[in-house]
């Protein structure tokens, strides 16, 4: 509980805002990268091999997006650590 209250102590009582060092714009690019991967369409008469290949492609796409998202958030953390 003490850790959650630490952030409150830094708020300016007159303006209700955090000091400039605490206010940062977090880029939304990481959220755009992490969009859900849709399920590939599958029909009743589809060839099972083709359906499995589409599923595999969707899984590969999803795994790539997760890796890109991890890298994106790591970059944002590095920028914050450097004070940018």
PDB file of N, CA and C in Angstrom:
ATOM      1  N   UNK A   1       0.818  -1.186   0.000  1.00  0.00           N
ATOM      2  CA  UNK A   1       0.000   0.000   0.000  1.00  0.00           C
ATOM      3  C   UNK A   1       0.866   1.256   0.000  1.00  0.00           C
ATOM      4  N   UNK A   2       1.966   1.202   0.690  1.00  0.00           N
ATOM      5  CA  UNK A   2       2.837   2.374   0.745  1.00  0.00           C
ATOM      6  C   UNK A   2       3.357   2.731  -0.636  1.00  0.00           C
ATOM      7  N   UNK A   3       3.676   1.741  -1.432  1.00  0.00           N
ATOM      8  CA  UNK A   3       4.183   2.022  -2.771  1.00  0.00           C
ATOM      9  C   UNK A   3       3.136   2.675  -3.655  1.00  0.00           C
ATOM     10  N   UNK A   4       1.890   2.284  -3.529  1.00  0.00           N
ATOM     11  CA  UNK A   4       0.852   2.895  -4.359  1.00  0.00           C
ATOM     12  C   UNK A   4       0.599   4.338  -3.955  1.00  0.00           C
ATOM     13  N   UNK A   5       0.839   4.671  -2.700  1.00  0.00           N
ATOM     14  CA  UNK A   5       0.622   6.037  -2.238  1.00  0.00           C
ATOM     15  C   UNK A   5       1.784   6.958  -2.571  1.00  0.00           C
ATOM     16  N   UNK A   6       2.933   6.418  -2.898  1.00  0.00           N
ATOM     17  CA  UNK A   6       4.091   7.251  -3.223  1.00  0.00           C
ATOM     18  C   UNK A   6       3.806   8.160  -4.407  1.00  0.00           C
ATOM     19  N   UNK A   7       3.110   7.652  -5.395  1.00  0.00           N
ATOM     20  CA  UNK A   7       2.787   8.464  -6.561  1.00  0.00           C
ATOM     21  C   UNK A   7       1.862   9.615  -6.222  1.00  0.00           C
ATOM     22  N   UNK A   8       1.012   9.437  -5.241  1.00  0.00           N
ATOM     23  CA  UNK A   8       0.075  10.498  -4.861  1.00  0.00           C
ATOM     24  C   UNK A   8       0.783  11.657  -4.197  1.00  0.00           C
ATOM     25  N   UNK A   9       1.853  11.395  -3.497  1.00  0.00           N
ATOM     26  CA  UNK A   9       2.558  12.438  -2.763  1.00  0.00           C
ATOM     27  C   UNK A   9       3.201  13.449  -3.697  1.00  0.00           C
ATOM     28  N   UNK A  10       3.470  13.068  -4.932  1.00  0.00           N
ATOM     29  CA  UNK A  10       4.156  13.957  -5.863  1.00  0.00           C
ATOM     30  C   UNK A  10       3.209  14.904  -6.589  1.00  0.00           C
ATOM     31  N   UNK A  11       1.922  14.773  -6.400  1.00  0.00           N
ATOM     32  CA  UNK A  11       0.955  15.624  -7.098  1.00  0.00           C
ATOM     33  C   UNK A  11       0.909  16.997  -6.449  1.00  0.00           C
ATOM     34  N   UNK A  12       0.949  18.026  -7.284  1.00  0.00           N
ATOM     35  CA  UNK A  12       0.867  19.395  -6.804  1.00  0.00           C
ATOM     36  C   UNK A  12      -0.542  19.634  -6.261  1.00  0.00           C
ATOM     37  N   UNK A  13      -0.640  20.039  -5.004  1.00  0.00           N
ATOM     38  CA  UNK A  13      -1.956  20.210  -4.371  1.00  0.00           C
ATOM     39  C   UNK A  13      -2.741  21.363  -4.986  1.00  0.00           C
ATOM     40  N   UNK A  14      -2.035  22.382  -5.495  1.00  0.00           N
ATOM     41  CA  UNK A  14      -2.728  23.542  -6.059  1.00  0.00           C
ATOM     42  C   UNK A  14      -3.301  23.253  -7.449  1.00  0.00           C
ATOM     43  N   UNK A  15      -2.512  22.586  -8.290  1.00  0.00           N
ATOM     44  CA  UNK A  15      -2.944  22.358  -9.669  1.00  0.00           C
ATOM     45  C   UNK A  15      -3.507  20.968  -9.888  1.00  0.00           C
ATOM     46  N   UNK A  16      -3.203  20.022  -8.987  1.00  0.00           N
ATOM     47  CA  UNK A  16      -3.682  18.657  -9.145  1.00  0.00           C
ATOM     48  C   UNK A  16      -2.940  17.874 -10.208  1.00  0.00           C
ATOM     49  N   UNK A  17      -1.766  18.364 -10.630  1.00  0.00           N
ATOM     50  CA  UNK A  17      -0.992  17.677 -11.661  1.00  0.00           C
ATOM     51  C   UNK A  17       0.316  17.161 -11.087  1.00  0.00           C
ATOM     52  N   UNK A  18       0.883  16.202 -11.772  1.00  0.00           N
ATOM     53  CA  UNK A  18       2.174  15.653 -11.377  1.00  0.00           C
ATOM     54  C   UNK A  18       3.279  16.574 -11.875  1.00  0.00           C
ATOM     55  N   UNK A  19       4.431  16.549 -11.220  1.00  0.00           N
ATOM     56  CA  UNK A  19       5.553  17.355 -11.715  1.00  0.00           C
ATOM     57  C   UNK A  19       5.949  16.912 -13.128  1.00  0.00           C
ATOM     58  N   UNK A  20       6.629  17.784 -13.839  1.00  0.00           N
ATOM     59  CA  UNK A  20       6.997  17.523 -15.232  1.00  0.00           C
ATOM     60  C   UNK A  20       7.767  16.222 -15.371  1.00  0.00           C
ATOM     61  N   UNK A  21       8.588  15.859 -14.409  1.00  0.00           N
ATOM     62  CA  UNK A  21       9.384  14.639 -14.525  1.00  0.00           C
ATOM     63  C   UNK A  21       8.515  13.392 -14.492  1.00  0.00           C
ATOM     64  N   UNK A  22       7.313  13.469 -13.911  1.00  0.00           N
ATOM     65  CA  UNK A  22       6.440  12.308 -13.849  1.00  0.00           C
ATOM     66  C   UNK A  22       5.459  12.243 -15.010  1.00  0.00           C
ATOM     67  N   UNK A  23       5.212  13.393 -15.671  1.00  0.00           N
ATOM     68  CA  UNK A  23       4.278  13.397 -16.790  1.00  0.00           C
ATOM     69  C   UNK A  23       5.002  13.016 -18.061  1.00  0.00           C
ATOM     70  N   UNK A  24       4.601  11.938 -18.649  1.00  0.00           N
ATOM     71  CA  UNK A  24       5.205  11.468 -19.892  1.00  0.00           C
ATOM     72  C   UNK A  24       4.094  11.046 -20.839  1.00  0.00           C
ATOM     73  N   UNK A  25       4.362  11.202 -22.109  1.00  0.00           N
ATOM     74  CA  UNK A  25       3.437  10.711 -23.121  1.00  0.00           C
ATOM     75  C   UNK A  25       3.859   9.304 -23.495  1.00  0.00           C
ATOM     76  N   UNK A  26       3.031   8.336 -23.196  1.00  0.00           N
ATOM     77  CA  UNK A  26       3.336   6.960 -23.554  1.00  0.00           C
ATOM     78  C   UNK A  26       2.811   6.733 -24.971  1.00  0.00           C
ATOM     79  N   UNK A  27       3.694   6.368 -25.889  1.00  0.00           N
ATOM     80  CA  UNK A  27       3.242   6.185 -27.271  1.00  0.00           C
ATOM     81  C   UNK A  27       2.266   5.026 -27.397  1.00  0.00           C
ATOM     82  N   UNK A  28       1.315   5.170 -28.293  1.00  0.00           N
ATOM     83  CA  UNK A  28       0.298   4.137 -28.504  1.00  0.00           C
ATOM     84  C   UNK A  28       0.731   3.130 -29.562  1.00  0.00           C
ATOM     85  N   UNK A  29       1.948   3.266 -30.068  1.00  0.00           N
ATOM     86  CA  UNK A  29       2.398   2.375 -31.136  1.00  0.00           C
ATOM     87  C   UNK A  29       2.416   0.925 -30.671  1.00  0.00           C
ATOM     88  N   UNK A  30       2.742   0.672 -29.420  1.00  0.00           N
ATOM     89  CA  UNK A  30       2.798  -0.709 -28.934  1.00  0.00           C
ATOM     90  C   UNK A  30       1.415  -1.360 -28.974  1.00  0.00           C
ATOM     91  N   UNK A  31       0.386  -0.601 -28.649  1.00  0.00           N
ATOM     92  CA  UNK A  31      -0.965  -1.151 -28.693  1.00  0.00           C
ATOM     93  C   UNK A  31      -1.401  -1.443 -30.122  1.00  0.00           C
ATOM     94  N   UNK A  32      -0.966  -0.610 -31.060  1.00  0.00           N
ATOM     95  CA  UNK A  32      -1.326  -0.856 -32.462  1.00  0.00           C
ATOM     96  C   UNK A  32      -0.663  -2.130 -32.975  1.00  0.00           C
ATOM     97  N   UNK A  33       0.544  -2.407 -32.505  1.00  0.00           N
ATOM     98  CA  UNK A  33       1.239  -3.635 -32.919  1.00  0.00           C
ATOM     99  C   UNK A  33       0.500  -4.858 -32.406  1.00  0.00           C
ATOM    100  N   UNK A  34      -0.062  -4.768 -31.209  1.00  0.00           N
ATOM    101  CA  UNK A  34      -0.626  -5.934 -30.540  1.00  0.00           C
ATOM    102  C   UNK A  34      -2.106  -6.153 -30.837  1.00  0.00           C
ATOM    103  N   UNK A  35      -2.532  -5.805 -32.023  1.00  0.00           N
ATOM    104  CA  UNK A  35      -3.912  -6.078 -32.426  1.00  0.00           C
ATOM    105  C   UNK A  35      -4.129  -7.588 -32.508  1.00  0.00           C
ATOM    106  N   UNK A  36      -5.316  -8.070 -32.167  1.00  0.00           N
ATOM    107  CA  UNK A  36      -5.583  -9.512 -32.251  1.00  0.00           C
ATOM    108  C   UNK A  36      -5.469 -10.025 -33.682  1.00  0.00           C
ATOM    109  N   UNK A  37      -5.017 -11.240 -33.796  1.00  0.00           N
ATOM    110  CA  UNK A  37      -4.931 -11.895 -35.098  1.00  0.00           C
ATOM    111  C   UNK A  37      -6.245 -12.643 -35.299  1.00  0.00           C
ATOM    112  N   UNK A  38      -6.975 -12.355 -36.390  1.00  0.00           N
ATOM    113  CA  UNK A  38      -8.268 -13.022 -36.587  1.00  0.00           C
ATOM    114  C   UNK A  38      -8.090 -14.506 -36.929  1.00  0.00           C
ATOM    115  N   UNK A  39      -9.097 -15.273 -36.571  1.00  0.00           N
ATOM    116  CA  UNK A  39      -9.107 -16.677 -36.960  1.00  0.00           C
ATOM    117  C   UNK A  39      -9.257 -16.757 -38.468  1.00  0.00           C
ATOM    118  N   UNK A  40      -8.500 -17.622 -39.108  1.00  0.00           N
ATOM    119  CA  UNK A  40      -8.670 -17.758 -40.552  1.00  0.00           C
ATOM    120  C   UNK A  40     -10.016 -18.393 -40.867  1.00  0.00           C
ATOM    121  N   UNK A  41     -10.616 -17.989 -41.985  1.00  0.00           N
ATOM    122  CA  UNK A  41     -11.911 -18.572 -42.333  1.00  0.00           C
ATOM    123  C   UNK A  41     -11.761 -20.060 -42.671  1.00  0.00           C
ATOM    124  N   UNK A  42     -12.739 -20.819 -42.280  1.00  0.00           N
ATOM    125  CA  UNK A  42     -12.743 -22.256 -42.582  1.00  0.00           C
ATOM    126  C   UNK A  42     -14.167 -22.643 -42.955  1.00  0.00           C
ATOM    127  N   UNK A  43     -14.264 -23.343 -44.043  1.00  0.00           N
ATOM    128  CA  UNK A  43     -15.564 -23.786 -44.502  1.00  0.00           C
ATOM    129  C   UNK A  43     -15.720 -25.285 -44.351  1.00  0.00           C
ATOM    130  N   UNK A  44     -16.934 -25.713 -44.441  1.00  0.00           N
ATOM    131  CA  UNK A  44     -17.253 -27.131 -44.265  1.00  0.00           C
ATOM    132  C   UNK A  44     -16.574 -28.005 -45.321  1.00  0.00           C
ATOM    133  N   UNK A  45     -16.419 -27.488 -46.514  1.00  0.00           N
ATOM    134  CA  UNK A  45     -15.847 -28.275 -47.604  1.00  0.00           C
ATOM    135  C   UNK A  45     -14.380 -27.952 -47.885  1.00  0.00           C
ATOM    136  N   UNK A  46     -13.714 -27.243 -46.981  1.00  0.00           N
ATOM    137  CA  UNK A  46     -12.307 -26.883 -47.177  1.00  0.00           C
ATOM    138  C   UNK A  46     -11.416 -28.112 -47.037  1.00  0.00           C
ATOM    139  N   UNK A  47     -10.315 -28.076 -47.746  1.00  0.00           N
ATOM    140  CA  UNK A  47      -9.290 -29.112 -47.611  1.00  0.00           C
ATOM    141  C   UNK A  47      -8.628 -28.925 -46.249  1.00  0.00           C
ATOM    142  N   UNK A  48      -8.541 -29.979 -45.473  1.00  0.00           N
ATOM    143  CA  UNK A  48      -7.992 -29.900 -44.114  1.00  0.00           C
ATOM    144  C   UNK A  48      -6.545 -29.422 -44.124  1.00  0.00           C
ATOM    145  N   UNK A  49      -5.768 -29.838 -45.112  1.00  0.00           N
ATOM    146  CA  UNK A  49      -4.365 -29.415 -45.169  1.00  0.00           C
ATOM    147  C   UNK A  49      -4.261 -27.906 -45.345  1.00  0.00           C
ATOM    148  N   UNK A  50      -5.088 -27.348 -46.194  1.00  0.00           N
ATOM    149  CA  UNK A  50      -5.079 -25.896 -46.405  1.00  0.00           C
ATOM    150  C   UNK A  50      -5.532 -25.171 -45.145  1.00  0.00           C
ATOM    151  N   UNK A  51      -6.527 -25.718 -44.452  1.00  0.00           N
ATOM    152  CA  UNK A  51      -7.002 -25.102 -43.212  1.00  0.00           C
ATOM    153  C   UNK A  51      -5.904 -25.114 -42.148  1.00  0.00           C
ATOM    154  N   UNK A  52      -5.181 -26.229 -42.036  1.00  0.00           N
ATOM    155  CA  UNK A  52      -4.078 -26.295 -41.072  1.00  0.00           C
ATOM    156  C   UNK A  52      -2.983 -25.302 -41.427  1.00  0.00           C
ATOM    157  N   UNK A  53      -2.713 -25.112 -42.710  1.00  0.00           N
ATOM    158  CA  UNK A  53      -1.696 -24.148 -43.129  1.00  0.00           C
ATOM    159  C   UNK A  53      -2.131 -22.724 -42.790  1.00  0.00           C
ATOM    160  N   UNK A  54      -3.411 -22.418 -42.955  1.00  0.00           N
ATOM    161  CA  UNK A  54      -3.909 -21.082 -42.590  1.00  0.00           C
ATOM    162  C   UNK A  54      -3.811 -20.877 -41.084  1.00  0.00           C
ATOM    163  N   UNK A  55      -4.143 -21.923 -40.313  1.00  0.00           N
ATOM    164  CA  UNK A  55      -4.011 -21.825 -38.854  1.00  0.00           C
ATOM    165  C   UNK A  55      -2.560 -21.596 -38.450  1.00  0.00           C
ATOM    166  N   UNK A  56      -1.652 -22.345 -39.058  1.00  0.00           N
ATOM    167  CA  UNK A  56      -0.225 -22.171 -38.758  1.00  0.00           C
ATOM    168  C   UNK A  56       0.231 -20.755 -39.090  1.00  0.00           C
ATOM    169  N   UNK A  57      -0.234 -20.222 -40.220  1.00  0.00           N
ATOM    170  CA  UNK A  57       0.141 -18.860 -40.614  1.00  0.00           C
ATOM    171  C   UNK A  57      -0.386 -17.842 -39.603  1.00  0.00           C
ATOM    172  N   UNK A  58      -1.606 -18.053 -39.101  1.00  0.00           N
ATOM    173  CA  UNK A  58      -2.170 -17.139 -38.096  1.00  0.00           C
ATOM    174  C   UNK A  58      -1.372 -17.204 -36.802  1.00  0.00           C
ATOM    175  N   UNK A  59      -0.948 -18.400 -36.403  1.00  0.00           N
ATOM    176  CA  UNK A  59      -0.151 -18.542 -35.178  1.00  0.00           C
ATOM    177  C   UNK A  59       1.206 -17.856 -35.345  1.00  0.00           C
ATOM    178  N   UNK A  60       1.826 -18.017 -36.502  1.00  0.00           N
ATOM    179  CA  UNK A  60       3.109 -17.359 -36.762  1.00  0.00           C
ATOM    180  C   UNK A  60       2.942 -15.845 -36.706  1.00  0.00           C
ATOM    181  N   UNK A  61       1.870 -15.332 -37.313  1.00  0.00           N
ATOM    182  CA  UNK A  61       1.600 -13.887 -37.276  1.00  0.00           C
ATOM    183  C   UNK A  61       1.401 -13.410 -35.840  1.00  0.00           C
ATOM    184  N   UNK A  62       0.630 -14.162 -35.054  1.00  0.00           N
ATOM    185  CA  UNK A  62       0.385 -13.779 -33.664  1.00  0.00           C
ATOM    186  C   UNK A  62       1.682 -13.784 -32.862  1.00  0.00           C
ATOM    187  N   UNK A  63       2.510 -14.807 -33.045  1.00  0.00           N
ATOM    188  CA  UNK A  63       3.789 -14.864 -32.323  1.00  0.00           C
ATOM    189  C   UNK A  63       4.703 -13.715 -32.710  1.00  0.00           C
ATOM    190  N   UNK A  64       4.716 -13.348 -33.992  1.00  0.00           N
ATOM    191  CA  UNK A  64       5.523 -12.207 -34.434  1.00  0.00           C
ATOM    192  C   UNK A  64       5.028 -10.917 -33.811  1.00  0.00           C
ATOM    193  N   UNK A  65       3.714 -10.750 -33.736  1.00  0.00           N
ATOM    194  CA  UNK A  65       3.166  -9.530 -33.121  1.00  0.00           C
ATOM    195  C   UNK A  65       3.518  -9.459 -31.642  1.00  0.00           C
ATOM    196  N   UNK A  66       3.472 -10.593 -30.948  1.00  0.00           N
ATOM    197  CA  UNK A  66       3.842 -10.585 -29.527  1.00  0.00           C
ATOM    198  C   UNK A  66       5.311 -10.216 -29.349  1.00  0.00           C
ATOM    199  N   UNK A  67       6.179 -10.741 -30.205  1.00  0.00           N
ATOM    200  CA  UNK A  67       7.598 -10.402 -30.126  1.00  0.00           C
ATOM    201  C   UNK A  67       7.811  -8.917 -30.412  1.00  0.00           C
ATOM    202  N   UNK A  68       7.124  -8.384 -31.424  1.00  0.00           N
ATOM    203  CA  UNK A  68       7.230  -6.956 -31.732  1.00  0.00           C
ATOM    204  C   UNK A  68       6.711  -6.114 -30.568  1.00  0.00           C
ATOM    205  N   UNK A  69       5.621  -6.554 -29.932  1.00  0.00           N
ATOM    206  CA  UNK A  69       5.076  -5.831 -28.788  1.00  0.00           C
ATOM    207  C   UNK A  69       6.045  -5.818 -27.622  1.00  0.00           C
ATOM    208  N   UNK A  70       6.669  -6.962 -27.339  1.00  0.00           N
ATOM    209  CA  UNK A  70       7.668  -7.011 -26.259  1.00  0.00           C
ATOM    210  C   UNK A  70       8.810  -6.056 -26.553  1.00  0.00           C
ATOM    211  N   UNK A  71       9.295  -6.049 -27.782  1.00  0.00           N
ATOM    212  CA  UNK A  71      10.385  -5.149 -28.160  1.00  0.00           C
ATOM    213  C   UNK A  71       9.962  -3.695 -28.040  1.00  0.00           C
ATOM    214  N   UNK A  72       8.737  -3.410 -28.443  1.00  0.00           N
ATOM    215  CA  UNK A  72       8.225  -2.040 -28.368  1.00  0.00           C
ATOM    216  C   UNK A  72       8.183  -1.558 -26.917  1.00  0.00           C
ATOM    217  N   UNK A  73       7.613  -2.375 -26.033  1.00  0.00           N
ATOM    218  CA  UNK A  73       7.540  -1.971 -24.633  1.00  0.00           C
ATOM    219  C   UNK A  73       8.926  -1.870 -24.010  1.00  0.00           C
ATOM    220  N   UNK A  74       9.859  -2.725 -24.415  1.00  0.00           N
ATOM    221  CA  UNK A  74      11.234  -2.629 -23.919  1.00  0.00           C
ATOM    222  C   UNK A  74      11.863  -1.309 -24.363  1.00  0.00           C
ATOM    223  N   UNK A  75      11.604  -0.897 -25.612  1.00  0.00           N
ATOM    224  CA  UNK A  75      12.116   0.385 -26.102  1.00  0.00           C
ATOM    225  C   UNK A  75      11.531   1.550 -25.314  1.00  0.00           C
ATOM    226  N   UNK A  76      10.241   1.496 -25.032  1.00  0.00           N
ATOM    227  CA  UNK A  76       9.593   2.563 -24.262  1.00  0.00           C
ATOM    228  C   UNK A  76      10.203   2.628 -22.857  1.00  0.00           C
ATOM    229  N   UNK A  77      10.410   1.460 -22.228  1.00  0.00           N
ATOM    230  CA  UNK A  77      11.037   1.449 -20.898  1.00  0.00           C
ATOM    231  C   UNK A  77      12.436   2.058 -20.946  1.00  0.00           C
ATOM    232  N   UNK A  78      13.202   1.717 -21.988  1.00  0.00           N
ATOM    233  CA  UNK A  78      14.556   2.279 -22.124  1.00  0.00           C
ATOM    234  C   UNK A  78      14.494   3.797 -22.267  1.00  0.00           C
ATOM    235  N   UNK A  79      13.552   4.280 -23.052  1.00  0.00           N
ATOM    236  CA  UNK A  79      13.422   5.736 -23.234  1.00  0.00           C
ATOM    237  C   UNK A  79      13.066   6.416 -21.917  1.00  0.00           C
ATOM    238  N   UNK A  80      12.193   5.811 -21.129  1.00  0.00           N
ATOM    239  CA  UNK A  80      11.820   6.388 -19.843  1.00  0.00           C
ATOM    240  C   UNK A  80      13.010   6.357 -18.884  1.00  0.00           C
ATOM    241  N   UNK A  81      13.782   5.269 -18.920  1.00  0.00           N
ATOM    242  CA  UNK A  81      14.968   5.181 -18.061  1.00  0.00           C
ATOM    243  C   UNK A  81      15.978   6.254 -18.403  1.00  0.00           C
ATOM    244  N   UNK A  82      16.050   6.642 -19.667  1.00  0.00           N
ATOM    245  CA  UNK A  82      16.978   7.668 -20.103  1.00  0.00           C
ATOM    246  C   UNK A  82      16.397   9.075 -19.953  1.00  0.00           C
ATOM    247  N   UNK A  83      15.130   9.164 -19.519  1.00  0.00           N
ATOM    248  CA  UNK A  83      14.502  10.456 -19.312  1.00  0.00           C
ATOM    249  C   UNK A  83      14.039  11.134 -20.576  1.00  0.00           C
ATOM    250  N   UNK A  84      13.792  10.370 -21.629  1.00  0.00           N
ATOM    251  CA  UNK A  84      13.329  10.972 -22.886  1.00  0.00           C
ATOM    252  C   UNK A  84      11.839  10.971 -22.967  1.00  0.00           C
TER     253      UNK A  84
END
